[in-house]
Amino acid sequence: MARIALSLSLLCVANVFMTFAWYGHLSTLKGRPVWIAVLVSWGIAFFEYCFQVPANRIGSEMLSLGQLKVSQEVITMVVFVGFSSLYMKKPLSMDLVYATACLGLAAYFVFRGGTT
């Protein structure tokens, strides 16, 4: 169980980097040329991969590929909701809450039989 927790923790960190790489430039580099945003995003994405690759390797020892993927998607939505409201100052929409809940249901289905 500790290996699963480690994997999910690393995925959380990776998703913070991923979210900033994908969306952070919309706020911080808005007036800059797109090539600068691309280079900055690639630089941030490097750190995402430094956490994501070990997370998936560790997680694959105890989780199925589907469980690993759905876990990552749930984490992505939770991180995105926080990023959107806290960093981008967007109001929390119920549609995002419902979408996250739907992914929670997906997690229920892939985990209801236990881990591999």
PDB file of N, CA and C in Angstrom:
ATOM      1  N   MET A   1       0.814  -1.198   0.000  1.00  0.00           N
ATOM      2  CA  MET A   1       0.000   0.000   0.000  1.00  0.00           C
ATOM      3  C   MET A   1       0.861   1.267   0.000  1.00  0.00           C
ATOM      4  N   ALA A   2       2.017   1.209   0.648  1.00  0.00           N
ATOM      5  CA  ALA A   2       2.914   2.369   0.682  1.00  0.00           C
ATOM      6  C   ALA A   2       3.416   2.695  -0.722  1.00  0.00           C
ATOM      7  N   ARG A   3       3.628   1.685  -1.565  1.00  0.00           N
ATOM      8  CA  ARG A   3       4.086   1.925  -2.937  1.00  0.00           C
ATOM      9  C   ARG A   3       3.002   2.623  -3.762  1.00  0.00           C
ATOM     10  N   ILE A   4       1.759   2.254  -3.519  1.00  0.00           N
ATOM     11  CA  ILE A   4       0.657   2.920  -4.223  1.00  0.00           C
ATOM     12  C   ILE A   4       0.580   4.381  -3.782  1.00  0.00           C
ATOM     13  N   ALA A   5       0.693   4.619  -2.483  1.00  0.00           N
ATOM     14  CA  ALA A   5       0.653   5.995  -1.969  1.00  0.00           C
ATOM     15  C   ALA A   5       1.805   6.823  -2.536  1.00  0.00           C
ATOM     16  N   LEU A   6       2.986   6.213  -2.619  1.00  0.00           N
ATOM     17  CA  LEU A   6       4.135   6.911  -3.197  1.00  0.00           C
ATOM     18  C   LEU A   6       3.863   7.253  -4.659  1.00  0.00           C
ATOM     19  N   SER A   7       3.348   6.289  -5.402  1.00  0.00           N
ATOM     20  CA  SER A   7       3.042   6.515  -6.810  1.00  0.00           C
ATOM     21  C   SER A   7       2.034   7.642  -6.984  1.00  0.00           C
ATOM     22  N   LEU A   8       0.961   7.617  -6.209  1.00  0.00           N
ATOM     23  CA  LEU A   8      -0.071   8.648  -6.323  1.00  0.00           C
ATOM     24  C   LEU A   8       0.456  10.011  -5.881  1.00  0.00           C
ATOM     25  N   SER A   9       1.311  10.033  -4.890  1.00  0.00           N
ATOM     26  CA  SER A   9       1.921  11.300  -4.448  1.00  0.00           C
ATOM     27  C   SER A   9       2.795  11.894  -5.544  1.00  0.00           C
ATOM     28  N   LEU A  10       3.602  11.037  -6.178  1.00  0.00           N
ATOM     29  CA  LEU A  10       4.440  11.508  -7.285  1.00  0.00           C
ATOM     30  C   LEU A  10       3.585  11.997  -8.444  1.00  0.00           C
ATOM     31  N   LEU A  11       2.466  11.312  -8.701  1.00  0.00           N
ATOM     32  CA  LEU A  11       1.559  11.765  -9.760  1.00  0.00           C
ATOM     33  C   LEU A  11       0.956  13.122  -9.428  1.00  0.00           C
ATOM     34  N   CYS A  12       0.677  13.371  -8.153  1.00  0.00           N
ATOM     35  CA  CYS A  12       0.161  14.687  -7.747  1.00  0.00           C
ATOM     36  C   CYS A  12       1.171  15.781  -8.064  1.00  0.00           C
ATOM     37  N   VAL A  13       2.422  15.553  -7.711  1.00  0.00           N
ATOM     38  CA  VAL A  13       3.469  16.542  -7.991  1.00  0.00           C
ATOM     39  C   VAL A  13       3.621  16.721  -9.498  1.00  0.00           C
ATOM     40  N   ALA A  14       3.643  15.622 -10.237  1.00  0.00           N
ATOM     41  CA  ALA A  14       3.774  15.686 -11.695  1.00  0.00           C
ATOM     42  C   ALA A  14       2.631  16.494 -12.300  1.00  0.00           C
ATOM     43  N   ASN A  15       1.425  16.303 -11.776  1.00  0.00           N
ATOM     44  CA  ASN A  15       0.276  17.008 -12.328  1.00  0.00           C
ATOM     45  C   ASN A  15       0.298  18.497 -12.036  1.00  0.00           C
ATOM     46  N   VAL A  16       0.887  18.895 -10.936  1.00  0.00           N
ATOM     47  CA  VAL A  16       1.041  20.328 -10.679  1.00  0.00           C
ATOM     48  C   VAL A  16       1.942  20.934 -11.761  1.00  0.00           C
ATOM     49  N   PHE A  17       3.068  20.283 -12.038  1.00  0.00           N
ATOM     50  CA  PHE A  17       3.960  20.772 -13.104  1.00  0.00           C
ATOM     51  C   PHE A  17       3.253  20.751 -14.456  1.00  0.00           C
ATOM     52  N   MET A  18       2.529  19.649 -14.738  1.00  0.00           N
ATOM     53  CA  MET A  18       1.844  19.520 -16.019  1.00  0.00           C
ATOM     54  C   MET A  18       0.828  20.642 -16.202  1.00  0.00           C
ATOM     55  N   THR A  19       0.060  20.915 -15.165  1.00  0.00           N
ATOM     56  CA  THR A  19      -0.975  21.944 -15.267  1.00  0.00           C
ATOM     57  C   THR A  19      -0.361  23.317 -15.512  1.00  0.00           C
ATOM     58  N   PHE A  20       0.740  23.611 -14.831  1.00  0.00           N
ATOM     59  CA  PHE A  20       1.417  24.888 -15.082  1.00  0.00           C
ATOM     60  C   PHE A  20       2.006  24.920 -16.492  1.00  0.00           C
ATOM     61  N   ALA A  21       2.551  23.806 -16.958  1.00  0.00           N
ATOM     62  CA  ALA A  21       3.114  23.763 -18.309  1.00  0.00           C
ATOM     63  C   ALA A  21       2.022  23.982 -19.360  1.00  0.00           C
ATOM     64  N   TRP A  22       0.871  23.383 -19.148  1.00  0.00           N
ATOM     65  CA  TRP A  22      -0.197  23.471 -20.141  1.00  0.00           C
ATOM     66  C   TRP A  22      -0.961  24.792 -20.096  1.00  0.00           C
ATOM     67  N   TYR A  23      -1.179  25.328 -18.885  1.00  0.00           N
ATOM     68  CA  TYR A  23      -2.089  26.461 -18.758  1.00  0.00           C
ATOM     69  C   TYR A  23      -1.494  27.712 -18.109  1.00  0.00           C
ATOM     70  N   GLY A  24      -0.393  27.593 -17.411  1.00  0.00           N
ATOM     71  CA  GLY A  24       0.187  28.733 -16.706  1.00  0.00           C
ATOM     72  C   GLY A  24       0.559  29.884 -17.614  1.00  0.00           C
ATOM     73  N   HIS A  25       1.005  29.560 -18.819  1.00  0.00           N
ATOM     74  CA  HIS A  25       1.417  30.603 -19.764  1.00  0.00           C
ATOM     75  C   HIS A  25       0.260  31.491 -20.197  1.00  0.00           C
ATOM     76  N   LEU A  26      -0.971  30.998 -20.044  1.00  0.00           N
ATOM     77  CA  LEU A  26      -2.132  31.807 -20.424  1.00  0.00           C
ATOM     78  C   LEU A  26      -2.256  33.045 -19.543  1.00  0.00           C
ATOM     79  N   SER A  27      -1.668  32.977 -18.361  1.00  0.00           N
ATOM     80  CA  SER A  27      -1.693  34.115 -17.449  1.00  0.00           C
ATOM     81  C   SER A  27      -0.359  34.848 -17.433  1.00  0.00           C
ATOM     82  N   THR A  28       0.710  34.104 -17.210  1.00  0.00           N
ATOM     83  CA  THR A  28       2.009  34.743 -16.976  1.00  0.00           C
ATOM     84  C   THR A  28       2.723  35.191 -18.245  1.00  0.00           C
ATOM     85  N   LEU A  29       2.466  34.550 -19.360  1.00  0.00           N
ATOM     86  CA  LEU A  29       3.167  34.895 -20.606  1.00  0.00           C
ATOM     87  C   LEU A  29       2.207  35.368 -21.691  1.00  0.00           C
ATOM     88  N   LYS A  30       1.085  35.887 -21.290  1.00  0.00           N
ATOM     89  CA  LYS A  30       0.027  36.254 -22.222  1.00  0.00           C
ATOM     90  C   LYS A  30       0.492  37.200 -23.327  1.00  0.00           C
ATOM     91  N   GLY A  31       1.305  38.164 -22.996  1.00  0.00           N
ATOM     92  CA  GLY A  31       1.744  39.145 -23.982  1.00  0.00           C
ATOM     93  C   GLY A  31       3.019  38.776 -24.713  1.00  0.00           C
ATOM     94  N   ARG A  32       3.573  37.613 -24.429  1.00  0.00           N
ATOM     95  CA  ARG A  32       4.842  37.192 -25.036  1.00  0.00           C
ATOM     96  C   ARG A  32       4.590  36.372 -26.291  1.00  0.00           C
ATOM     97  N   PRO A  33       5.572  36.265 -27.179  1.00  0.00           N
ATOM     98  CA  PRO A  33       5.413  35.422 -28.369  1.00  0.00           C
ATOM     99  C   PRO A  33       5.183  33.955 -27.982  1.00  0.00           C
ATOM    100  N   VAL A  34       4.459  33.260 -28.836  1.00  0.00           N
ATOM    101  CA  VAL A  34       4.094  31.878 -28.536  1.00  0.00           C
ATOM    102  C   VAL A  34       5.328  30.981 -28.389  1.00  0.00           C
ATOM    103  N   TRP A  35       6.408  31.266 -29.126  1.00  0.00           N
ATOM    104  CA  TRP A  35       7.586  30.402 -29.039  1.00  0.00           C
ATOM    105  C   TRP A  35       8.213  30.466 -27.650  1.00  0.00           C
ATOM    106  N   ILE A  36       8.094  31.598 -26.985  1.00  0.00           N
ATOM    107  CA  ILE A  36       8.600  31.712 -25.617  1.00  0.00           C
ATOM    108  C   ILE A  36       7.741  30.865 -24.688  1.00  0.00           C
ATOM    109  N   ALA A  37       6.427  30.936 -24.860  1.00  0.00           N
ATOM    110  CA  ALA A  37       5.524  30.111 -24.053  1.00  0.00           C
ATOM    111  C   ALA A  37       5.810  28.624 -24.269  1.00  0.00           C
ATOM    112  N   VAL A  38       6.099  28.243 -25.510  1.00  0.00           N
ATOM    113  CA  VAL A  38       6.417  26.840 -25.807  1.00  0.00           C
ATOM    114  C   VAL A  38       7.689  26.417 -25.078  1.00  0.00           C
ATOM    115  N   LEU A  39       8.728  27.227 -25.168  1.00  0.00           N
ATOM    116  CA  LEU A  39       9.992  26.876 -24.510  1.00  0.00           C
ATOM    117  C   LEU A  39       9.850  26.810 -22.991  1.00  0.00           C
ATOM    118  N   VAL A  40       9.140  27.766 -22.423  1.00  0.00           N
ATOM    119  CA  VAL A  40       8.918  27.757 -20.974  1.00  0.00           C
ATOM    120  C   VAL A  40       8.100  26.522 -20.585  1.00  0.00           C
ATOM    121  N   SER A  41       7.070  26.230 -21.353  1.00  0.00           N
ATOM    122  CA  SER A  41       6.229  25.060 -21.065  1.00  0.00           C
ATOM    123  C   SER A  41       7.026  23.766 -21.169  1.00  0.00           C
ATOM    124  N   TRP A  42       7.891  23.655 -22.158  1.00  0.00           N
ATOM    125  CA  TRP A  42       8.742  22.459 -22.273  1.00  0.00           C
ATOM    126  C   TRP A  42       9.660  22.329 -21.070  1.00  0.00           C
ATOM    127  N   GLY A  43      10.187  23.460 -20.631  1.00  0.00           N
ATOM    128  CA  GLY A  43      11.054  23.429 -19.451  1.00  0.00           C
ATOM    129  C   GLY A  43      10.315  22.956 -18.214  1.00  0.00           C
ATOM    130  N   ILE A  44       9.093  23.414 -18.039  1.00  0.00           N
ATOM    131  CA  ILE A  44       8.278  22.966 -16.907  1.00  0.00           C
ATOM    132  C   ILE A  44       7.910  21.495 -17.073  1.00  0.00           C
ATOM    133  N   ALA A  45       7.585  21.097 -18.285  1.00  0.00           N
ATOM    134  CA  ALA A  45       7.189  19.709 -18.549  1.00  0.00           C
ATOM    135  C   ALA A  45       8.317  18.725 -18.244  1.00  0.00           C
ATOM    136  N   PHE A  46       9.559  19.161 -18.382  1.00  0.00           N
ATOM    137  CA  PHE A  46      10.685  18.294 -18.020  1.00  0.00           C
ATOM    138  C   PHE A  46      10.542  17.826 -16.574  1.00  0.00           C
ATOM    139  N   PHE A  47      10.189  18.747 -15.687  1.00  0.00           N
ATOM    140  CA  PHE A  47      10.047  18.387 -14.275  1.00  0.00           C
ATOM    141  C   PHE A  47       8.822  17.495 -14.056  1.00  0.00           C
ATOM    142  N   GLU A  48       7.784  17.720 -14.848  1.00  0.00           N
ATOM    143  CA  GLU A  48       6.628  16.813 -14.776  1.00  0.00           C
ATOM    144  C   GLU A  48       7.076  15.378 -15.036  1.00  0.00           C
ATOM    145  N   TYR A  49       7.841  15.181 -16.091  1.00  0.00           N
ATOM    146  CA  TYR A  49       8.281  13.837 -16.445  1.00  0.00           C
ATOM    147  C   TYR A  49       9.226  13.240 -15.405  1.00  0.00           C
ATOM    148  N   CYS A  50       9.971  14.085 -14.725  1.00  0.00           N
ATOM    149  CA  CYS A  50      10.860  13.594 -13.664  1.00  0.00           C
ATOM    150  C   CYS A  50      10.073  12.955 -12.527  1.00  0.00           C
ATOM    151  N   PHE A  51       8.826  13.336 -12.362  1.00  0.00           N
ATOM    152  CA  PHE A  51       7.970  12.749 -11.330  1.00  0.00           C
ATOM    153  C   PHE A  51       7.012  11.709 -11.920  1.00  0.00           C
ATOM    154  N   GLN A  52       6.517  11.971 -13.118  1.00  0.00           N
ATOM    155  CA  GLN A  52       5.509  11.106 -13.726  1.00  0.00           C
ATOM    156  C   GLN A  52       6.064   9.745 -14.104  1.00  0.00           C
ATOM    157  N   VAL A  53       7.242   9.690 -14.686  1.00  0.00           N
ATOM    158  CA  VAL A  53       7.808   8.407 -15.110  1.00  0.00           C
ATOM    159  C   VAL A  53       8.063   7.485 -13.917  1.00  0.00           C
ATOM    160  N   PRO A  54       8.729   7.952 -12.850  1.00  0.00           N
ATOM    161  CA  PRO A  54       8.872   7.076 -11.674  1.00  0.00           C
ATOM    162  C   PRO A  54       7.529   6.714 -11.054  1.00  0.00           C
ATOM    163  N   ALA A  55       6.587   7.651 -11.039  1.00  0.00           N
ATOM    164  CA  ALA A  55       5.260   7.364 -10.478  1.00  0.00           C
ATOM    165  C   ALA A  55       4.596   6.206 -11.212  1.00  0.00           C
ATOM    166  N   ASN A  56       4.653   6.230 -12.520  1.00  0.00           N
ATOM    167  CA  ASN A  56       4.025   5.162 -13.302  1.00  0.00           C
ATOM    168  C   ASN A  56       4.780   3.842 -13.163  1.00  0.00           C
ATOM    169  N   ARG A  57       6.082   3.897 -13.089  1.00  0.00           N
ATOM    170  CA  ARG A  57       6.856   2.662 -12.889  1.00  0.00           C
ATOM    171  C   ARG A  57       6.529   2.021 -11.550  1.00  0.00           C
ATOM    172  N   ILE A  58       6.501   2.848 -10.505  1.00  0.00           N
ATOM    173  CA  ILE A  58       6.197   2.335  -9.170  1.00  0.00           C
ATOM    174  C   ILE A  58       4.745   1.845  -9.115  1.00  0.00           C
ATOM    175  N   GLY A  59       3.842   2.653  -9.640  1.00  0.00           N
ATOM    176  CA  GLY A  59       2.420   2.293  -9.615  1.00  0.00           C
ATOM    177  C   GLY A  59       2.108   1.039 -10.391  1.00  0.00           C
ATOM    178  N   SER A  60       2.822   0.800 -11.484  1.00  0.00           N
ATOM    179  CA  SER A  60       2.537  -0.371 -12.320  1.00  0.00           C
ATOM    180  C   SER A  60       2.890  -1.689 -11.637  1.00  0.00           C
ATOM    181  N   GLU A  61       3.633  -1.597 -10.526  1.00  0.00           N
ATOM    182  CA  GLU A  61       3.951  -2.812  -9.774  1.00  0.00           C
ATOM    183  C   GLU A  61       2.714  -3.380  -9.079  1.00  0.00           C
ATOM    184  N   MET A  62       1.750  -2.503  -8.742  1.00  0.00           N
ATOM    185  CA  MET A  62       0.587  -2.949  -7.971  1.00  0.00           C
ATOM    186  C   MET A  62      -0.748  -2.584  -8.605  1.00  0.00           C
ATOM    187  N   LEU A  63      -0.744  -1.703  -9.574  1.00  0.00           N
ATOM    188  CA  LEU A  63      -1.982  -1.259 -10.204  1.00  0.00           C
ATOM    189  C   LEU A  63      -2.018  -1.699 -11.656  1.00  0.00           C
ATOM    190  N   SER A  64      -3.220  -1.953 -12.139  1.00  0.00           N
ATOM    191  CA  SER A  64      -3.362  -2.253 -13.563  1.00  0.00           C
ATOM    192  C   SER A  64      -3.142  -0.957 -14.347  1.00  0.00           C
ATOM    193  N   LEU A  65      -2.945  -1.088 -15.632  1.00  0.00           N
ATOM    194  CA  LEU A  65      -2.754   0.088 -16.479  1.00  0.00           C
ATOM    195  C   LEU A  65      -3.983   0.998 -16.415  1.00  0.00           C
ATOM    196  N   GLY A  66      -5.166   0.401 -16.420  1.00  0.00           N
ATOM    197  CA  GLY A  66      -6.399   1.185 -16.326  1.00  0.00           C
ATOM    198  C   GLY A  66      -6.511   1.917 -15.003  1.00  0.00           C
ATOM    199  N   GLN A  67      -6.164   1.249 -13.919  1.00  0.00           N
ATOM    200  CA  GLN A  67      -6.207   1.887 -12.605  1.00  0.00           C
ATOM    201  C   GLN A  67      -5.229   3.046 -12.522  1.00  0.00           C
ATOM    202  N   LEU A  68      -4.064   2.852 -13.083  1.00  0.00           N
ATOM    203  CA  LEU A  68      -3.053   3.909 -13.090  1.00  0.00           C
ATOM    204  C   LEU A  68      -3.534   5.113 -13.895  1.00  0.00           C
ATOM    205  N   LYS A  69      -4.119   4.847 -15.059  1.00  0.00           N
ATOM    206  CA  LYS A  69      -4.593   5.934 -15.927  1.00  0.00           C
ATOM    207  C   LYS A  69      -5.750   6.693 -15.295  1.00  0.00           C
ATOM    208  N   VAL A  70      -6.727   5.982 -14.766  1.00  0.00           N
ATOM    209  CA  VAL A  70      -7.877   6.655 -14.169  1.00  0.00           C
ATOM    210  C   VAL A  70      -7.447   7.439 -12.931  1.00  0.00           C
ATOM    211  N   SER A  71      -6.525   6.886 -12.154  1.00  0.00           N
ATOM    212  CA  SER A  71      -6.001   7.611 -10.992  1.00  0.00           C
ATOM    213  C   SER A  71      -5.370   8.927 -11.430  1.00  0.00           C
ATOM    214  N   GLN A  72      -4.591   8.860 -12.495  1.00  0.00           N
ATOM    215  CA  GLN A  72      -3.936  10.062 -13.007  1.00  0.00           C
ATOM    216  C   GLN A  72      -4.964  11.086 -13.466  1.00  0.00           C
ATOM    217  N   GLU A  73      -6.038  10.644 -14.090  1.00  0.00           N
ATOM    218  CA  GLU A  73      -7.067  11.577 -14.569  1.00  0.00           C
ATOM    219  C   GLU A  73      -7.810  12.235 -13.410  1.00  0.00           C
ATOM    220  N   VAL A  74      -8.089  11.470 -12.363  1.00  0.00           N
ATOM    221  CA  VAL A  74      -8.745  12.048 -11.181  1.00  0.00           C
ATOM    222  C   VAL A  74      -7.822  13.102 -10.561  1.00  0.00           C
ATOM    223  N   ILE A  75      -6.558  12.751 -10.410  1.00  0.00           N
ATOM    224  CA  ILE A  75      -5.586  13.702  -9.860  1.00  0.00           C
ATOM    225  C   ILE A  75      -5.506  14.941 -10.736  1.00  0.00           C
ATOM    226  N   THR A  76      -5.487  14.759 -12.038  1.00  0.00           N
ATOM    227  CA  THR A  76      -5.427  15.888 -12.960  1.00  0.00           C
ATOM    228  C   THR A  76      -6.599  16.839 -12.741  1.00  0.00           C
ATOM    229  N   MET A  77      -7.793  16.300 -12.609  1.00  0.00           N
ATOM    230  CA  MET A  77      -8.960  17.166 -12.414  1.00  0.00           C
ATOM    231  C   MET A  77      -8.913  17.896 -11.075  1.00  0.00           C
ATOM    232  N   VAL A  78      -8.511  17.198 -10.029  1.00  0.00           N
ATOM    233  CA  VAL A  78      -8.436  17.832  -8.714  1.00  0.00           C
ATOM    234  C   VAL A  78      -7.398  18.955  -8.734  1.00  0.00           C
ATOM    235  N   VAL A  79      -6.247  18.680  -9.324  1.00  0.00           N
ATOM    236  CA  VAL A  79      -5.207  19.711  -9.427  1.00  0.00           C
ATOM    237  C   VAL A  79      -5.701  20.867 -10.293  1.00  0.00           C
ATOM    238  N   PHE A  80      -6.362  20.550 -11.410  1.00  0.00           N
ATOM    239  CA  PHE A  80      -6.842  21.596 -12.310  1.00  0.00           C
ATOM    240  C   PHE A  80      -7.878  22.491 -11.633  1.00  0.00           C
ATOM    241  N   VAL A  81      -8.781  21.908 -10.875  1.00  0.00           N
ATOM    242  CA  VAL A  81      -9.798  22.704 -10.178  1.00  0.00           C
ATOM    243  C   VAL A  81      -9.113  23.685  -9.225  1.00  0.00           C
ATOM    244  N   GLY A  82      -8.134  23.204  -8.481  1.00  0.00           N
ATOM    245  CA  GLY A  82      -7.390  24.087  -7.583  1.00  0.00           C
ATOM    246  C   GLY A  82      -6.629  25.157  -8.345  1.00  0.00           C
ATOM    247  N   PHE A  83      -5.946  24.766  -9.399  1.00  0.00           N
ATOM    248  CA  PHE A  83      -5.184  25.703 -10.233  1.00  0.00           C
ATOM    249  C   PHE A  83      -6.097  26.773 -10.829  1.00  0.00           C
ATOM    250  N   SER A  84      -7.211  26.327 -11.373  1.00  0.00           N
ATOM    251  CA  SER A  84      -8.138  27.244 -12.034  1.00  0.00           C
ATOM    252  C   SER A  84      -8.679  28.285 -11.065  1.00  0.00           C
ATOM    253  N   SER A  85      -9.051  27.843  -9.880  1.00  0.00           N
ATOM    254  CA  SER A  85      -9.643  28.796  -8.948  1.00  0.00           C
ATOM    255  C   SER A  85      -8.597  29.603  -8.182  1.00  0.00           C
ATOM    256  N   LEU A  86      -7.509  28.976  -7.767  1.00  0.00           N
ATOM    257  CA  LEU A  86      -6.519  29.674  -6.943  1.00  0.00           C
ATOM    258  C   LEU A  86      -5.523  30.498  -7.768  1.00  0.00           C
ATOM    259  N   TYR A  87      -4.997  29.918  -8.839  1.00  0.00           N
ATOM    260  CA  TYR A  87      -3.959  30.602  -9.616  1.00  0.00           C
ATOM    261  C   TYR A  87      -4.557  31.478 -10.719  1.00  0.00           C
ATOM    262  N   MET A  88      -5.519  30.918 -11.440  1.00  0.00           N
ATOM    263  CA  MET A  88      -6.098  31.664 -12.556  1.00  0.00           C
ATOM    264  C   MET A  88      -7.268  32.554 -12.118  1.00  0.00           C
ATOM    265  N   LYS A  89      -7.680  32.432 -10.852  1.00  0.00           N
ATOM    266  CA  LYS A  89      -8.748  33.268 -10.282  1.00  0.00           C
ATOM    267  C   LYS A  89     -10.076  33.114 -11.013  1.00  0.00           C
ATOM    268  N   LYS A  90     -10.352  31.905 -11.505  1.00  0.00           N
ATOM    269  CA  LYS A  90     -11.624  31.613 -12.163  1.00  0.00           C
ATOM    270  C   LYS A  90     -12.607  31.099 -11.119  1.00  0.00           C
ATOM    271  N   PRO A  91     -13.871  31.458 -11.233  1.00  0.00           N
ATOM    272  CA  PRO A  91     -14.849  30.938 -10.273  1.00  0.00           C
ATOM    273  C   PRO A  91     -15.016  29.426 -10.463  1.00  0.00           C
ATOM    274  N   LEU A  92     -15.216  28.745  -9.361  1.00  0.00           N
ATOM    275  CA  LEU A  92     -15.422  27.297  -9.403  1.00  0.00           C
ATOM    276  C   LEU A  92     -16.788  27.016 -10.015  1.00  0.00           C
ATOM    277  N   SER A  93     -16.811  26.315 -11.124  1.00  0.00           N
ATOM    278  CA  SER A  93     -18.088  25.999 -11.768  1.00  0.00           C
ATOM    279  C   SER A  93     -18.550  24.616 -11.335  1.00  0.00           C
ATOM    280  N   MET A  94     -19.834  24.476 -11.261  1.00  0.00           N
ATOM    281  CA  MET A  94     -20.391  23.171 -10.899  1.00  0.00           C
ATOM    282  C   MET A  94     -20.097  22.140 -11.996  1.00  0.00           C
ATOM    283  N   ASP A  95     -19.930  22.581 -13.229  1.00  0.00           N
ATOM    284  CA  ASP A  95     -19.592  21.643 -14.298  1.00  0.00           C
ATOM    285  C   ASP A  95     -18.250  20.968 -14.022  1.00  0.00           C
ATOM    286  N   LEU A  96     -17.278  21.733 -13.517  1.00  0.00           N
ATOM    287  CA  LEU A  96     -15.991  21.128 -13.156  1.00  0.00           C
ATOM    288  C   LEU A  96     -16.148  20.155 -11.989  1.00  0.00           C
ATOM    289  N   VAL A  97     -16.977  20.518 -11.040  1.00  0.00           N
ATOM    290  CA  VAL A  97     -17.239  19.632  -9.907  1.00  0.00           C
ATOM    291  C   VAL A  97     -17.890  18.343 -10.397  1.00  0.00           C
ATOM    292  N   TYR A  98     -18.877  18.461 -11.279  1.00  0.00           N
ATOM    293  CA  TYR A  98     -19.554  17.268 -11.813  1.00  0.00           C
ATOM    294  C   TYR A  98     -18.594  16.405 -12.637  1.00  0.00           C
ATOM    295  N   ALA A  99     -17.760  17.051 -13.433  1.00  0.00           N
ATOM    296  CA  ALA A  99     -16.786  16.295 -14.236  1.00  0.00           C
ATOM    297  C   ALA A  99     -15.827  15.526 -13.334  1.00  0.00           C
ATOM    298  N   THR A 100     -15.385  16.168 -12.261  1.00  0.00           N
ATOM    299  CA  THR A 100     -14.489  15.503 -11.309  1.00  0.00           C
ATOM    300  C   THR A 100     -15.209  14.344 -10.633  1.00  0.00           C
ATOM    301  N   ALA A 101     -16.468  14.541 -10.286  1.00  0.00           N
ATOM    302  CA  ALA A 101     -17.252  13.463  -9.678  1.00  0.00           C
ATOM    303  C   ALA A 101     -17.405  12.284 -10.644  1.00  0.00           C
ATOM    304  N   CYS A 102     -17.596  12.572 -11.918  1.00  0.00           N
ATOM    305  CA  CYS A 102     -17.687  11.489 -12.913  1.00  0.00           C
ATOM    306  C   CYS A 102     -16.389  10.698 -12.976  1.00  0.00           C
ATOM    307  N   LEU A 103     -15.263  11.386 -12.893  1.00  0.00           N
ATOM    308  CA  LEU A 103     -13.989  10.672 -12.867  1.00  0.00           C
ATOM    309  C   LEU A 103     -13.847   9.866 -11.583  1.00  0.00           C
ATOM    310  N   GLY A 104     -14.399  10.381 -10.491  1.00  0.00           N
ATOM    311  CA  GLY A 104     -14.428   9.609  -9.252  1.00  0.00           C
ATOM    312  C   GLY A 104     -15.200   8.318  -9.428  1.00  0.00           C
ATOM    313  N   LEU A 105     -16.295   8.372 -10.169  1.00  0.00           N
ATOM    314  CA  LEU A 105     -17.052   7.148 -10.478  1.00  0.00           C
ATOM    315  C   LEU A 105     -16.231   6.203 -11.344  1.00  0.00           C
ATOM    316  N   ALA A 106     -15.482   6.754 -12.286  1.00  0.00           N
ATOM    317  CA  ALA A 106     -14.603   5.918 -13.115  1.00  0.00           C
ATOM    318  C   ALA A 106     -13.597   5.205 -12.226  1.00  0.00           C
ATOM    319  N   ALA A 107     -13.053   5.920 -11.238  1.00  0.00           N
ATOM    320  CA  ALA A 107     -12.107   5.301 -10.308  1.00  0.00           C
ATOM    321  C   ALA A 107     -12.784   4.183  -9.530  1.00  0.00           C
ATOM    322  N   TYR A 108     -14.024   4.413  -9.123  1.00  0.00           N
ATOM    323  CA  TYR A 108     -14.756   3.354  -8.415  1.00  0.00           C
ATOM    324  C   TYR A 108     -14.811   2.080  -9.270  1.00  0.00           C
ATOM    325  N   PHE A 109     -15.155   2.234 -10.537  1.00  0.00           N
ATOM    326  CA  PHE A 109     -15.302   1.069 -11.399  1.00  0.00           C
ATOM    327  C   PHE A 109     -13.989   0.332 -11.643  1.00  0.00           C
ATOM    328  N   VAL A 110     -12.898   1.058 -11.809  1.00  0.00           N
ATOM    329  CA  VAL A 110     -11.645   0.361 -12.078  1.00  0.00           C
ATOM    330  C   VAL A 110     -11.023  -0.232 -10.817  1.00  0.00           C
ATOM    331  N   PHE A 111     -11.417   0.269  -9.653  1.00  0.00           N
ATOM    332  CA  PHE A 111     -10.843  -0.240  -8.407  1.00  0.00           C
ATOM    333  C   PHE A 111     -11.770  -1.195  -7.647  1.00  0.00           C
ATOM    334  N   ARG A 112     -13.016  -1.349  -8.054  1.00  0.00           N
ATOM    335  CA  ARG A 112     -13.948  -2.149  -7.267  1.00  0.00           C
ATOM    336  C   ARG A 112     -13.552  -3.605  -7.163  1.00  0.00           C
ATOM    337  N   GLY A 113     -12.761  -4.095  -8.082  1.00  0.00           N
ATOM    338  CA  GLY A 113     -12.289  -5.483  -7.997  1.00  0.00           C
ATOM    339  C   GLY A 113     -10.984  -5.622  -7.225  1.00  0.00           C
ATOM    340  N   GLY A 114     -10.471  -4.514  -6.711  1.00  0.00           N
ATOM    341  CA  GLY A 114      -9.186  -4.533  -6.012  1.00  0.00           C
ATOM    342  C   GLY A 114      -8.054  -4.193  -6.954  1.00  0.00           C
ATOM    343  N   THR A 115      -6.856  -4.165  -6.403  1.00  0.00           N
ATOM    344  CA  THR A 115      -5.686  -3.890  -7.222  1.00  0.00           C
ATOM    345  C   THR A 115      -5.151  -5.198  -7.783  1.00  0.00           C
ATOM    346  N   THR A 116      -4.302  -5.088  -8.797  1.00  0.00           N
ATOM    347  CA  THR A 116      -3.776  -6.307  -9.437  1.00  0.00           C
ATOM    348  C   THR A 116      -2.684  -6.951  -8.629  1.00  0.00           C
TER     349      THR A 116
END
